Every structure is written in C-alpha cells, then in structure tokens.
Amino acid sequence: EALACGETRKEIPWEQWGPKGSHVLGNNTGHSTVWVCYVFGTRYV
C-alpha cells in the first residue's frame, strides 16, 4: 500500500519489513512436509 501508483519492480530490503513484521524460527524439528495443515488464520503449530 506504500508503493506509488503504477510503481513496479520495487525492492524492499529485509531491514524494512522483516525485523518488526515477522518472526523467525530456526530449529532442527520444523514442521511436517507431508501434513500441511500446520497453519490456519493467524496460528501456526
């Protein structure tokens, strides 16, 4: 929504969107690659 009207190919660096707009998990368990119902709405299991 912050893009100018008609603006394309804008590169948005990680520092602009990631630190305050995401959460990162780095672990050896991870989620299933077969049972894909691990996210629904705003929840992740």
All heavy atoms as atom14 arrays in JSON, in Angstrom:
{
  "sequence": "EALACGETRKEIPWEQWGPKGSHVLGNNTGHSTVWVCYVFGTRYV",
  "atom14_mask": [
    [1, 1, 1, 1, 1, 1, 1, 1, 1, 0, 0, 0, 0, 0],
    [1, 1, 1, 1, 1, 0, 0, 0, 0, 0, 0, 0, 0, 0],
    [1, 1, 1, 1, 1, 1, 1, 1, 0, 0, 0, 0, 0, 0],
    [1, 1, 1, 1, 1, 0, 0, 0, 0, 0, 0, 0, 0, 0],
    [1, 1, 1, 1, 1, 1, 0, 0, 0, 0, 0, 0, 0, 0],
    [1, 1, 1, 1, 0, 0, 0, 0, 0, 0, 0, 0, 0, 0],
    [1, 1, 1, 1, 1, 1, 1, 1, 1, 0, 0, 0, 0, 0],
    [1, 1, 1, 1, 1, 1, 1, 0, 0, 0, 0, 0, 0, 0],
    [1, 1, 1, 1, 1, 1, 1, 1, 1, 1, 1, 0, 0, 0],
    [1, 1, 1, 1, 1, 1, 1, 1, 1, 0, 0, 0, 0, 0],
    [1, 1, 1, 1, 1, 1, 1, 1, 1, 0, 0, 0, 0, 0],
    [1, 1, 1, 1, 1, 1, 1, 1, 0, 0, 0, 0, 0, 0],
    [1, 1, 1, 1, 1, 1, 1, 0, 0, 0, 0, 0, 0, 0],
    [1, 1, 1, 1, 1, 1, 1, 1, 1, 1, 1, 1, 1, 1],
    [1, 1, 1, 1, 1, 1, 1, 1, 1, 0, 0, 0, 0, 0],
    [1, 1, 1, 1, 1, 1, 1, 1, 1, 0, 0, 0, 0, 0],
    [1, 1, 1, 1, 1, 1, 1, 1, 1, 1, 1, 1, 1, 1],
    [1, 1, 1, 1, 0, 0, 0, 0, 0, 0, 0, 0, 0, 0],
    [1, 1, 1, 1, 1, 1, 1, 0, 0, 0, 0, 0, 0, 0],
    [1, 1, 1, 1, 1, 1, 1, 1, 1, 0, 0, 0, 0, 0],
    [1, 1, 1, 1, 0, 0, 0, 0, 0, 0, 0, 0, 0, 0],
    [1, 1, 1, 1, 1, 1, 0, 0, 0, 0, 0, 0, 0, 0],
    [1, 1, 1, 1, 1, 1, 1, 1, 1, 1, 0, 0, 0, 0],
    [1, 1, 1, 1, 1, 1, 1, 0, 0, 0, 0, 0, 0, 0],
    [1, 1, 1, 1, 1, 1, 1, 1, 0, 0, 0, 0, 0, 0],
    [1, 1, 1, 1, 0, 0, 0, 0, 0, 0, 0, 0, 0, 0],
    [1, 1, 1, 1, 1, 1, 1, 1, 0, 0, 0, 0, 0, 0],
    [1, 1, 1, 1, 1, 1, 1, 1, 0, 0, 0, 0, 0, 0],
    [1, 1, 1, 1, 1, 1, 1, 0, 0, 0, 0, 0, 0, 0],
    [1, 1, 1, 1, 0, 0, 0, 0, 0, 0, 0, 0, 0, 0],
    [1, 1, 1, 1, 1, 1, 1, 1, 1, 1, 0, 0, 0, 0],
    [1, 1, 1, 1, 1, 1, 0, 0, 0, 0, 0, 0, 0, 0],
    [1, 1, 1, 1, 1, 1, 1, 0, 0, 0, 0, 0, 0, 0],
    [1, 1, 1, 1, 1, 1, 1, 0, 0, 0, 0, 0, 0, 0],
    [1, 1, 1, 1, 1, 1, 1, 1, 1, 1, 1, 1, 1, 1],
    [1, 1, 1, 1, 1, 1, 1, 0, 0, 0, 0, 0, 0, 0],
    [1, 1, 1, 1, 1, 1, 0, 0, 0, 0, 0, 0, 0, 0],
    [1, 1, 1, 1, 1, 1, 1, 1, 1, 1, 1, 1, 0, 0],
    [1, 1, 1, 1, 1, 1, 1, 0, 0, 0, 0, 0, 0, 0],
    [1, 1, 1, 1, 1, 1, 1, 1, 1, 1, 1, 0, 0, 0],
    [1, 1, 1, 1, 0, 0, 0, 0, 0, 0, 0, 0, 0, 0],
    [1, 1, 1, 1, 1, 1, 1, 0, 0, 0, 0, 0, 0, 0],
    [1, 1, 1, 1, 1, 1, 1, 1, 1, 1, 1, 0, 0, 0],
    [1, 1, 1, 1, 1, 1, 1, 1, 1, 1, 1, 1, 0, 0],
    [1, 1, 1, 1, 1, 1, 1, 0, 0, 0, 0, 0, 0, 0]
  ],
  "atom14_positions": [
    [[0.82, -1.21, 0.0], [0.0, 0.0, 0.0], [0.85, 1.27, 0.0], [0.36, 2.34, -0.36], [-0.92, -0.01, 1.21], [-2.02, -1.09, 1.13], [-2.75, -1.29, 2.44], [-2.35, -0.64, 3.44], [-3.71, -2.08, 2.47], [0.0, 0.0, 0.0], [0.0, 0.0, 0.0], [0.0, 0.0, 0.0], [0.0, 0.0, 0.0], [0.0, 0.0, 0.0]],
    [[2.13, 1.14, 0.39], [3.02, 2.3, 0.41], [3.64, 2.58, -0.95], [4.29, 3.61, -1.14], [4.12, 2.08, 1.45], [0.0, 0.0, 0.0], [0.0, 0.0, 0.0], [0.0, 0.0, 0.0], [0.0, 0.0, 0.0], [0.0, 0.0, 0.0], [0.0, 0.0, 0.0], [0.0, 0.0, 0.0], [0.0, 0.0, 0.0], [0.0, 0.0, 0.0]],
    [[3.46, 1.67, -1.92], [4.01, 1.88, -3.25], [3.28, 3.02, -3.95], [2.07, 3.2, -3.78], [3.9, 0.61, -4.09], [4.68, -0.62, -3.59], [4.38, -1.81, -4.48], [6.17, -0.33, -3.56], [0.0, 0.0, 0.0], [0.0, 0.0, 0.0], [0.0, 0.0, 0.0], [0.0, 0.0, 0.0], [0.0, 0.0, 0.0], [0.0, 0.0, 0.0]],
    [[4.01, 3.77, -4.75], [3.4, 4.83, -5.55], [2.52, 4.21, -6.64], [2.74, 3.08, -7.05], [4.48, 5.71, -6.17], [0.0, 0.0, 0.0], [0.0, 0.0, 0.0], [0.0, 0.0, 0.0], [0.0, 0.0, 0.0], [0.0, 0.0, 0.0], [0.0, 0.0, 0.0], [0.0, 0.0, 0.0], [0.0, 0.0, 0.0], [0.0, 0.0, 0.0]],
    [[1.53, 4.95, -7.07], [0.61, 4.46, -8.1], [1.39, 4.1, -9.37], [2.14, 4.92, -9.9], [-0.43, 5.52, -8.4], [-1.67, 5.01, -9.63], [0.0, 0.0, 0.0], [0.0, 0.0, 0.0], [0.0, 0.0, 0.0], [0.0, 0.0, 0.0], [0.0, 0.0, 0.0], [0.0, 0.0, 0.0], [0.0, 0.0, 0.0], [0.0, 0.0, 0.0]],
    [[1.26, 2.87, -9.82], [1.95, 2.42, -11.02], [3.38, 1.98, -10.8], [4.04, 1.55, -11.75], [0.0, 0.0, 0.0], [0.0, 0.0, 0.0], [0.0, 0.0, 0.0], [0.0, 0.0, 0.0], [0.0, 0.0, 0.0], [0.0, 0.0, 0.0], [0.0, 0.0, 0.0], [0.0, 0.0, 0.0], [0.0, 0.0, 0.0], [0.0, 0.0, 0.0]],
    [[3.87, 2.08, -9.57], [5.26, 1.69, -9.3], [5.4, 0.16, -9.37], [4.57, -0.58, -8.87], [5.68, 2.18, -7.91], [7.14, 1.91, -7.58], [7.54, 2.48, -6.23], [6.63, 2.91, -5.48], [8.75, 2.5, -5.92], [0.0, 0.0, 0.0], [0.0, 0.0, 0.0], [0.0, 0.0, 0.0], [0.0, 0.0, 0.0], [0.0, 0.0, 0.0]],
    [[6.45, -0.3, -10.02], [6.71, -1.73, -10.15], [8.18, -2.03, -9.88], [9.02, -1.11, -9.83], [6.33, -2.26, -11.55], [7.13, -1.58, -12.52], [4.87, -2.05, -11.84], [0.0, 0.0, 0.0], [0.0, 0.0, 0.0], [0.0, 0.0, 0.0], [0.0, 0.0, 0.0], [0.0, 0.0, 0.0], [0.0, 0.0, 0.0], [0.0, 0.0, 0.0]],
    [[8.48, -3.31, -9.69], [9.84, -3.81, -9.51], [10.57, -3.13, -8.35], [11.78, -2.96, -8.37], [10.65, -3.65, -10.81], [10.12, -4.5, -11.95], [10.95, -4.31, -13.22], [10.48, -5.18, -14.28], [10.94, -6.42, -14.5], [11.89, -6.9, -13.71], [10.47, -7.14, -15.49], [0.0, 0.0, 0.0], [0.0, 0.0, 0.0], [0.0, 0.0, 0.0]],
    [[9.81, -2.77, -7.33], [10.41, -2.14, -6.14], [11.06, -3.22, -5.27], [10.45, -4.24, -4.98], [9.32, -1.42, -5.34], [9.76, -0.88, -3.97], [10.54, 0.39, -4.12], [10.91, 0.99, -2.76], [9.73, 1.52, -2.04], [0.0, 0.0, 0.0], [0.0, 0.0, 0.0], [0.0, 0.0, 0.0], [0.0, 0.0, 0.0], [0.0, 0.0, 0.0]],
    [[12.3, -3.01, -4.88], [12.97, -3.94, -3.99], [12.82, -3.45, -2.55], [13.19, -2.32, -2.22], [14.45, -4.08, -4.33], [15.17, -5.08, -3.44], [16.59, -5.37, -3.86], [16.79, -5.94, -4.95], [17.51, -4.99, -3.09], [0.0, 0.0, 0.0], [0.0, 0.0, 0.0], [0.0, 0.0, 0.0], [0.0, 0.0, 0.0], [0.0, 0.0, 0.0]],
    [[12.25, -4.3, -1.71], [12.03, -3.95, -0.31], [12.99, -4.76, 0.54], [12.84, -5.98, 0.68], [10.57, -4.24, 0.09], [9.61, -3.48, -0.84], [10.32, -3.86, 1.54], [8.15, -3.81, -0.63], [0.0, 0.0, 0.0], [0.0, 0.0, 0.0], [0.0, 0.0, 0.0], [0.0, 0.0, 0.0], [0.0, 0.0, 0.0], [0.0, 0.0, 0.0]],
    [[14.01, -4.12, 1.09], [15.03, -4.87, 1.84], [14.49, -5.45, 3.14], [13.51, -4.96, 3.71], [16.11, -3.81, 2.11], [15.38, -2.51, 2.07], [14.29, -2.69, 1.05], [0.0, 0.0, 0.0], [0.0, 0.0, 0.0], [0.0, 0.0, 0.0], [0.0, 0.0, 0.0], [0.0, 0.0, 0.0], [0.0, 0.0, 0.0], [0.0, 0.0, 0.0]],
    [[15.12, -6.52, 3.61], [14.72, -7.2, 4.84], [14.61, -6.22, 6.0], [13.68, -6.3, 6.8], [15.72, -8.29, 5.16], [15.66, -8.8, 6.56], [16.49, -8.47, 7.61], [14.7, -9.73, 7.1], [16.11, -9.13, 8.75], [15.02, -9.9, 8.47], [13.61, -10.41, 6.56], [14.27, -10.74, 9.29], [12.87, -11.25, 7.38], [13.2, -11.41, 8.73]],
    [[15.54, -5.3, 6.1], [15.55, -4.35, 7.22], [14.3, -3.5, 7.27], [13.93, -2.98, 8.32], [16.79, -3.45, 7.14], [18.11, -4.15, 7.35], [18.54, -4.98, 6.14], [17.97, -4.76, 5.03], [19.43, -5.85, 6.29], [0.0, 0.0, 0.0], [0.0, 0.0, 0.0], [0.0, 0.0, 0.0], [0.0, 0.0, 0.0], [0.0, 0.0, 0.0]],
    [[13.62, -3.36, 6.16], [12.43, -2.51, 6.09], [11.16, -3.25, 6.49], [10.22, -2.63, 6.99], [12.3, -1.94, 4.68], [11.15, -0.96, 4.5], [11.16, -0.31, 3.13], [12.22, -0.06, 2.56], [9.99, -0.05, 2.58], [0.0, 0.0, 0.0], [0.0, 0.0, 0.0], [0.0, 0.0, 0.0], [0.0, 0.0, 0.0], [0.0, 0.0, 0.0]],
    [[11.13, -4.57, 6.3], [9.88, -5.3, 6.57], [10.04, -6.43, 7.58], [9.08, -6.78, 8.28], [9.3, -5.86, 5.28], [10.09, -6.98, 4.66], [11.12, -6.86, 3.77], [9.91, -8.38, 4.89], [11.61, -8.1, 3.43], [10.87, -9.06, 4.1], [9.04, -9.13, 5.67], [10.99, -10.45, 4.08], [9.15, -10.52, 5.65], [10.12, -11.16, 4.85]],
    [[11.23, -7.02, 7.69], [11.4, -8.22, 8.48], [11.47, -8.06, 9.99], [10.71, -8.71, 10.73], [0.0, 0.0, 0.0], [0.0, 0.0, 0.0], [0.0, 0.0, 0.0], [0.0, 0.0, 0.0], [0.0, 0.0, 0.0], [0.0, 0.0, 0.0], [0.0, 0.0, 0.0], [0.0, 0.0, 0.0], [0.0, 0.0, 0.0], [0.0, 0.0, 0.0]],
    [[12.38, -7.21, 10.51], [12.57, -7.15, 11.96], [11.32, -6.83, 12.76], [11.08, -7.41, 13.82], [13.64, -6.05, 12.12], [14.41, -6.1, 10.83], [13.38, -6.42, 9.77], [0.0, 0.0, 0.0], [0.0, 0.0, 0.0], [0.0, 0.0, 0.0], [0.0, 0.0, 0.0], [0.0, 0.0, 0.0], [0.0, 0.0, 0.0], [0.0, 0.0, 0.0]],
    [[10.47, -5.92, 12.28], [9.27, -5.53, 13.0], [8.0, -6.2, 12.47], [6.93, -6.05, 13.07], [9.09, -4.01, 12.96], [10.16, -3.24, 13.73], [9.87, -1.75, 13.73], [10.91, -0.99, 14.54], [10.62, 0.47, 14.58], [0.0, 0.0, 0.0], [0.0, 0.0, 0.0], [0.0, 0.0, 0.0], [0.0, 0.0, 0.0], [0.0, 0.0, 0.0]],
    [[8.12, -6.94, 11.36], [6.92, -7.51, 10.75], [6.93, -9.0, 10.58], [6.1, -9.53, 9.83], [0.0, 0.0, 0.0], [0.0, 0.0, 0.0], [0.0, 0.0, 0.0], [0.0, 0.0, 0.0], [0.0, 0.0, 0.0], [0.0, 0.0, 0.0], [0.0, 0.0, 0.0], [0.0, 0.0, 0.0], [0.0, 0.0, 0.0], [0.0, 0.0, 0.0]],
    [[7.84, -9.7, 11.27], [7.89, -11.15, 11.12], [8.51, -11.78, 12.37], [9.0, -11.08, 13.25], [8.73, -11.54, 9.89], [10.11, -11.26, 10.12], [0.0, 0.0, 0.0], [0.0, 0.0, 0.0], [0.0, 0.0, 0.0], [0.0, 0.0, 0.0], [0.0, 0.0, 0.0], [0.0, 0.0, 0.0], [0.0, 0.0, 0.0], [0.0, 0.0, 0.0]],
    [[8.46, -13.09, 12.41], [9.11, -13.86, 13.47], [9.82, -15.03, 12.82], [9.25, -15.7, 11.94], [8.08, -14.36, 14.49], [8.7, -15.02, 15.69], [9.39, -14.32, 16.64], [8.73, -16.32, 16.06], [9.82, -15.16, 17.58], [9.44, -16.38, 17.25], [0.0, 0.0, 0.0], [0.0, 0.0, 0.0], [0.0, 0.0, 0.0], [0.0, 0.0, 0.0]],
    [[11.07, -15.26, 13.2], [11.89, -16.29, 12.56], [12.16, -17.42, 13.53], [12.54, -17.19, 14.69], [13.22, -15.7, 12.04], [14.05, -16.8, 11.36], [12.95, -14.58, 11.07], [0.0, 0.0, 0.0], [0.0, 0.0, 0.0], [0.0, 0.0, 0.0], [0.0, 0.0, 0.0], [0.0, 0.0, 0.0], [0.0, 0.0, 0.0], [0.0, 0.0, 0.0]],
    [[11.96, -18.66, 13.05], [12.26, -19.84, 13.84], [13.34, -20.63, 13.13], [13.2, -20.99, 11.96], [11.01, -20.73, 13.99], [9.78, -20.1, 14.64], [8.61, -21.09, 14.59], [10.07, -19.71, 16.08], [0.0, 0.0, 0.0], [0.0, 0.0, 0.0], [0.0, 0.0, 0.0], [0.0, 0.0, 0.0], [0.0, 0.0, 0.0], [0.0, 0.0, 0.0]],
    [[14.43, -20.9, 13.81], [15.49, -21.73, 13.27], [15.69, -22.92, 14.18], [16.23, -22.77, 15.28], [0.0, 0.0, 0.0], [0.0, 0.0, 0.0], [0.0, 0.0, 0.0], [0.0, 0.0, 0.0], [0.0, 0.0, 0.0], [0.0, 0.0, 0.0], [0.0, 0.0, 0.0], [0.0, 0.0, 0.0], [0.0, 0.0, 0.0], [0.0, 0.0, 0.0]],
    [[15.23, -24.09, 13.78], [15.37, -25.27, 14.63], [15.5, -26.51, 13.78], [15.29, -26.49, 12.57], [14.16, -25.39, 15.57], [12.84, -25.42, 14.82], [12.6, -26.28, 14.01], [11.98, -24.44, 15.11], [0.0, 0.0, 0.0], [0.0, 0.0, 0.0], [0.0, 0.0, 0.0], [0.0, 0.0, 0.0], [0.0, 0.0, 0.0], [0.0, 0.0, 0.0]],
    [[15.85, -27.61, 14.43], [16.06, -28.87, 13.72], [14.78, -29.68, 13.57], [14.76, -30.69, 12.88], [17.11, -29.72, 14.45], [18.49, -29.08, 14.4], [18.88, -28.52, 13.39], [19.22, -29.15, 15.5], [0.0, 0.0, 0.0], [0.0, 0.0, 0.0], [0.0, 0.0, 0.0], [0.0, 0.0, 0.0], [0.0, 0.0, 0.0], [0.0, 0.0, 0.0]],
    [[13.72, -29.29, 14.28], [12.47, -30.05, 14.22], [11.65, -29.63, 13.01], [11.41, -30.41, 12.1], [11.64, -29.85, 15.5], [12.43, -30.23, 16.63], [10.39, -30.69, 15.46], [0.0, 0.0, 0.0], [0.0, 0.0, 0.0], [0.0, 0.0, 0.0], [0.0, 0.0, 0.0], [0.0, 0.0, 0.0], [0.0, 0.0, 0.0], [0.0, 0.0, 0.0]],
    [[11.24, -28.38, 13.0], [10.46, -27.88, 11.88], [9.09, -28.54, 11.79], [8.72, -29.36, 12.61], [0.0, 0.0, 0.0], [0.0, 0.0, 0.0], [0.0, 0.0, 0.0], [0.0, 0.0, 0.0], [0.0, 0.0, 0.0], [0.0, 0.0, 0.0], [0.0, 0.0, 0.0], [0.0, 0.0, 0.0], [0.0, 0.0, 0.0], [0.0, 0.0, 0.0]],
    [[8.34, -28.13, 10.78], [7.01, -28.68, 10.59], [7.05, -29.82, 9.57], [8.05, -30.05, 8.89], [6.04, -27.6, 10.14], [6.48, -26.89, 8.88], [6.49, -27.5, 7.66], [6.92, -25.63, 8.67], [6.91, -26.66, 6.74], [7.19, -25.51, 7.33], [0.0, 0.0, 0.0], [0.0, 0.0, 0.0], [0.0, 0.0, 0.0], [0.0, 0.0, 0.0]],
    [[5.94, -30.51, 9.47], [5.84, -31.64, 8.56], [5.81, -31.16, 7.12], [5.26, -30.11, 6.8], [4.58, -32.45, 8.86], [4.34, -33.42, 7.86], [0.0, 0.0, 0.0], [0.0, 0.0, 0.0], [0.0, 0.0, 0.0], [0.0, 0.0, 0.0], [0.0, 0.0, 0.0], [0.0, 0.0, 0.0], [0.0, 0.0, 0.0], [0.0, 0.0, 0.0]],
    [[6.43, -31.94, 6.23], [6.36, -31.64, 4.8], [5.24, -32.43, 4.13], [4.98, -32.25, 2.94], [7.69, -31.99, 4.11], [7.99, -33.38, 4.34], [8.82, -31.14, 4.67], [0.0, 0.0, 0.0], [0.0, 0.0, 0.0], [0.0, 0.0, 0.0], [0.0, 0.0, 0.0], [0.0, 0.0, 0.0], [0.0, 0.0, 0.0], [0.0, 0.0, 0.0]],
    [[4.6, -33.31, 4.89], [3.51, -34.14, 4.36], [2.16, -33.64, 4.87], [1.23, -33.37, 4.11], [3.7, -35.62, 4.73], [2.54, -36.45, 4.2], [5.02, -36.14, 4.17], [0.0, 0.0, 0.0], [0.0, 0.0, 0.0], [0.0, 0.0, 0.0], [0.0, 0.0, 0.0], [0.0, 0.0, 0.0], [0.0, 0.0, 0.0], [0.0, 0.0, 0.0]],
    [[2.06, -33.48, 6.2], [0.84, -32.98, 6.8], [0.92, -31.45, 6.79], [1.58, -30.84, 7.62], [0.71, -33.51, 8.23], [-0.58, -33.1, 8.88], [-0.75, -32.11, 9.8], [-1.88, -33.66, 8.65], [-2.07, -31.99, 10.15], [-2.79, -32.94, 9.46], [-2.36, -34.68, 7.84], [-4.15, -33.22, 9.48], [-3.72, -34.95, 7.86], [-4.59, -34.24, 8.69]],
    [[0.23, -30.83, 5.84], [0.44, -29.41, 5.59], [-0.52, -28.51, 6.37], [-0.49, -27.29, 6.2], [0.32, -29.1, 4.08], [1.41, -29.8, 3.3], [-1.06, -29.51, 3.55], [0.0, 0.0, 0.0], [0.0, 0.0, 0.0], [0.0, 0.0, 0.0], [0.0, 0.0, 0.0], [0.0, 0.0, 0.0], [0.0, 0.0, 0.0], [0.0, 0.0, 0.0]],
    [[-1.38, -29.08, 7.19], [-2.34, -28.26, 7.94], [-1.73, -27.75, 9.24], [-2.28, -27.93, 10.32], [-3.61, -29.05, 8.21], [-4.46, -29.58, 6.71], [0.0, 0.0, 0.0], [0.0, 0.0, 0.0], [0.0, 0.0, 0.0], [0.0, 0.0, 0.0], [0.0, 0.0, 0.0], [0.0, 0.0, 0.0], [0.0, 0.0, 0.0], [0.0, 0.0, 0.0]],
    [[-0.59, -27.08, 9.13], [0.08, -26.55, 10.32], [-0.14, -25.05, 10.48], [0.37, -24.44, 11.41], [1.58, -26.85, 10.28], [2.25, -26.56, 8.95], [2.51, -25.25, 8.54], [2.6, -27.59, 8.1], [3.12, -24.99, 7.34], [3.22, -27.33, 6.88], [3.47, -26.03, 6.51], [4.07, -25.77, 5.3], [0.0, 0.0, 0.0], [0.0, 0.0, 0.0]],
    [[-0.91, -24.45, 9.56], [-1.22, -23.03, 9.67], [-2.67, -22.82, 9.29], [-3.19, -23.42, 8.34], [-0.29, -22.18, 8.76], [-0.38, -22.63, 7.31], [-0.62, -20.7, 8.89], [0.0, 0.0, 0.0], [0.0, 0.0, 0.0], [0.0, 0.0, 0.0], [0.0, 0.0, 0.0], [0.0, 0.0, 0.0], [0.0, 0.0, 0.0], [0.0, 0.0, 0.0]],
    [[-3.36, -21.97, 10.07], [-4.73, -21.59, 9.75], [-4.99, -20.23, 10.36], [-4.78, -20.03, 11.56], [-5.74, -22.61, 10.28], [-7.13, -22.38, 9.75], [-7.52, -22.93, 8.53], [-8.04, -21.6, 10.45], [-8.8, -22.71, 8.03], [-9.31, -21.38, 9.94], [-9.69, -21.94, 8.73], [0.0, 0.0, 0.0], [0.0, 0.0, 0.0], [0.0, 0.0, 0.0]],
    [[-5.44, -19.31, 9.52], [-5.66, -17.96, 10.03], [-4.37, -17.34, 10.52], [-3.39, -17.24, 9.78], [0.0, 0.0, 0.0], [0.0, 0.0, 0.0], [0.0, 0.0, 0.0], [0.0, 0.0, 0.0], [0.0, 0.0, 0.0], [0.0, 0.0, 0.0], [0.0, 0.0, 0.0], [0.0, 0.0, 0.0], [0.0, 0.0, 0.0], [0.0, 0.0, 0.0]],
    [[-4.35, -16.94, 11.78], [-3.15, -16.3, 12.35], [-2.33, -17.26, 13.2], [-1.4, -16.84, 13.87], [-3.56, -15.1, 13.22], [-4.42, -15.56, 14.29], [-4.29, -14.05, 12.41], [0.0, 0.0, 0.0], [0.0, 0.0, 0.0], [0.0, 0.0, 0.0], [0.0, 0.0, 0.0], [0.0, 0.0, 0.0], [0.0, 0.0, 0.0], [0.0, 0.0, 0.0]],
    [[-2.67, -18.56, 13.18], [-1.99, -19.52, 14.06], [-1.12, -20.51, 13.29], [-1.48, -20.96, 12.2], [-3.02, -20.28, 14.89], [-3.74, -19.4, 15.9], [-4.66, -20.22, 16.79], [-5.28, -19.4, 17.82], [-6.04, -19.87, 18.79], [-6.31, -21.17, 18.84], [-6.56, -19.07, 19.7], [0.0, 0.0, 0.0], [0.0, 0.0, 0.0], [0.0, 0.0, 0.0]],
    [[0.0, -20.83, 13.91], [0.95, -21.8, 13.36], [1.32, -22.77, 14.47], [1.62, -22.36, 15.6], [2.19, -21.07, 12.86], [3.37, -21.96, 12.54], [3.34, -22.83, 11.45], [4.53, -21.93, 13.31], [4.42, -23.64, 11.14], [5.61, -22.73, 13.01], [5.56, -23.59, 11.92], [6.63, -24.39, 11.63], [0.0, 0.0, 0.0], [0.0, 0.0, 0.0]],
    [[1.27, -24.08, 14.19], [1.57, -25.09, 15.19], [2.79, -25.9, 14.73], [2.93, -26.21, 13.55], [0.36, -26.02, 15.44], [-0.04, -26.76, 14.17], [0.66, -27.01, 16.56], [0.0, 0.0, 0.0], [0.0, 0.0, 0.0], [0.0, 0.0, 0.0], [0.0, 0.0, 0.0], [0.0, 0.0, 0.0], [0.0, 0.0, 0.0], [0.0, 0.0, 0.0]]
  ]
}
